[in-house]
Amino acid sequence: MPNIKLLFFGSEESQTQKHQLECYQNHNNNIYLNIDTFGWDSSFICLDKSTAIKLHRELKKQISFLKDE
């Protein structure tokens, strides 16, 4: 298992710059996603491989609908 943790931060437009999404593979061989909303309780979810793939595909689809600035 790689020793990698990714952090993504919110946007200025949504005023969520202090919020972060943490992503890594956990010891149960799942994708662990934690959302830390600055000043609020954190939430997390663990996804198995097939669910993570579906999330990946949906994110790619939704990103394709975004307009370039």
C-alpha atoms as a PDB file:
ATOM      1  CA  MET A   1       0.000   0.000   0.000  1.00  0.00           C
ATOM      2  CA  PRO A   2       1.509   3.346  -1.006  1.00  0.00           C
ATOM      3  CA  ASN A   3       2.145   5.899   1.704  1.00  0.00           C
ATOM      4  CA  ILE A   4       0.275   8.762   0.005  1.00  0.00           C
ATOM      5  CA  LYS A   5      -2.402  11.127   1.248  1.00  0.00           C
ATOM      6  CA  LEU A   6      -3.987  13.729  -1.036  1.00  0.00           C
ATOM      7  CA  LEU A   7      -5.540  16.960   0.223  1.00  0.00           C
ATOM      8  CA  PHE A   8      -7.873  19.145  -1.828  1.00  0.00           C
ATOM      9  CA  PHE A   9      -9.062  22.546  -0.653  1.00  0.00           C
ATOM     10  CA  GLY A  10     -12.260  24.464  -1.380  1.00  0.00           C
ATOM     11  CA  SER A  11     -12.558  27.454  -3.676  1.00  0.00           C
ATOM     12  CA  GLU A  12     -12.499  31.166  -2.952  1.00  0.00           C
ATOM     13  CA  GLU A  13     -15.789  31.632  -4.814  1.00  0.00           C
ATOM     14  CA  SER A  14     -17.579  29.267  -2.432  1.00  0.00           C
ATOM     15  CA  GLN A  15     -15.666  30.681   0.561  1.00  0.00           C
ATOM     16  CA  THR A  16     -14.512  27.163   1.493  1.00  0.00           C
ATOM     17  CA  GLN A  17     -10.744  27.707   1.198  1.00  0.00           C
ATOM     18  CA  LYS A  18     -10.226  26.314   4.731  1.00  0.00           C
ATOM     19  CA  HIS A  19     -12.296  23.191   4.017  1.00  0.00           C
ATOM     20  CA  GLN A  20     -10.370  20.163   2.859  1.00  0.00           C
ATOM     21  CA  LEU A  21     -11.009  16.789   1.297  1.00  0.00           C
ATOM     22  CA  GLU A  22      -8.566  14.098   2.385  1.00  0.00           C
ATOM     23  CA  CYS A  23      -8.176  10.995   0.224  1.00  0.00           C
ATOM     24  CA  TYR A  24      -6.123   7.842   0.628  1.00  0.00           C
ATOM     25  CA  GLN A  25      -6.239   4.044   0.571  1.00  0.00           C
ATOM     26  CA  ASN A  26      -6.837   2.707   4.081  1.00  0.00           C
ATOM     27  CA  HIS A  27      -5.703  -0.546   5.704  1.00  0.00           C
ATOM     28  CA  ASN A  28      -9.007  -2.248   4.683  1.00  0.00           C
ATOM     29  CA  ASN A  29      -8.160  -1.732   1.000  1.00  0.00           C
ATOM     30  CA  ASN A  30     -10.856   0.933   0.597  1.00  0.00           C
ATOM     31  CA  ILE A  31     -10.666   4.508  -0.587  1.00  0.00           C
ATOM     32  CA  TYR A  32     -11.070   6.725   2.477  1.00  0.00           C
ATOM     33  CA  LEU A  33     -12.529  10.206   1.919  1.00  0.00           C
ATOM     34  CA  ASN A  34     -12.718  12.682   4.785  1.00  0.00           C
ATOM     35  CA  ILE A  35     -14.250  16.137   4.510  1.00  0.00           C
ATOM     36  CA  ASP A  36     -13.044  18.568   7.147  1.00  0.00           C
ATOM     37  CA  THR A  37     -15.264  21.633   7.154  1.00  0.00           C
ATOM     38  CA  PHE A  38     -13.381  24.217   9.156  1.00  0.00           C
ATOM     39  CA  GLY A  39     -15.335  24.929  12.329  1.00  0.00           C
ATOM     40  CA  TRP A  40     -17.760  22.016  11.872  1.00  0.00           C
ATOM     41  CA  ASP A  41     -17.610  18.273  12.520  1.00  0.00           C
ATOM     42  CA  SER A  42     -15.689  16.193   9.982  1.00  0.00           C
ATOM     43  CA  SER A  43     -17.411  13.507   7.915  1.00  0.00           C
ATOM     44  CA  PHE A  44     -15.939  10.518   6.133  1.00  0.00           C
ATOM     45  CA  ILE A  45     -16.857   7.648   3.848  1.00  0.00           C
ATOM     46  CA  CYS A  46     -14.991   4.533   2.726  1.00  0.00           C
ATOM     47  CA  LEU A  47     -15.551   3.281  -0.814  1.00  0.00           C
ATOM     48  CA  ASP A  48     -14.799  -0.149  -2.225  1.00  0.00           C
ATOM     49  CA  LYS A  49     -13.061  -0.323  -5.590  1.00  0.00           C
ATOM     50  CA  SER A  50     -16.185  -0.617  -7.760  1.00  0.00           C
ATOM     51  CA  THR A  51     -17.904   2.298  -6.000  1.00  0.00           C
ATOM     52  CA  ALA A  52     -14.763   4.438  -6.260  1.00  0.00           C
ATOM     53  CA  ILE A  53     -14.658   3.739 -10.006  1.00  0.00           C
ATOM     54  CA  LYS A  54     -18.286   4.849 -10.363  1.00  0.00           C
ATOM     55  CA  LEU A  55     -17.506   8.032  -8.413  1.00  0.00           C
ATOM     56  CA  HIS A  56     -14.496   8.649 -10.676  1.00  0.00           C
ATOM     57  CA  ARG A  57     -16.634   8.290 -13.811  1.00  0.00           C
ATOM     58  CA  GLU A  58     -19.331  10.595 -12.447  1.00  0.00           C
ATOM     59  CA  LEU A  59     -16.786  13.241 -11.469  1.00  0.00           C
ATOM     60  CA  LYS A  60     -15.277  13.138 -14.964  1.00  0.00           C
ATOM     61  CA  LYS A  61     -18.766  13.530 -16.458  1.00  0.00           C
ATOM     62  CA  GLN A  62     -19.667  16.459 -14.215  1.00  0.00           C
ATOM     63  CA  ILE A  63     -16.301  18.146 -14.867  1.00  0.00           C
ATOM     64  CA  SER A  64     -16.982  17.956 -18.606  1.00  0.00           C
ATOM     65  CA  PHE A  65     -20.137  20.061 -18.035  1.00  0.00           C
ATOM     66  CA  LEU A  66     -18.200  22.878 -16.328  1.00  0.00           C
ATOM     67  CA  LYS A  67     -17.632  25.982 -18.385  1.00  0.00           C
ATOM     68  CA  ASP A  68     -14.109  27.348 -18.761  1.00  0.00           C
ATOM     69  CA  GLU A  69     -13.581  30.717 -17.134  1.00  0.00           C
END
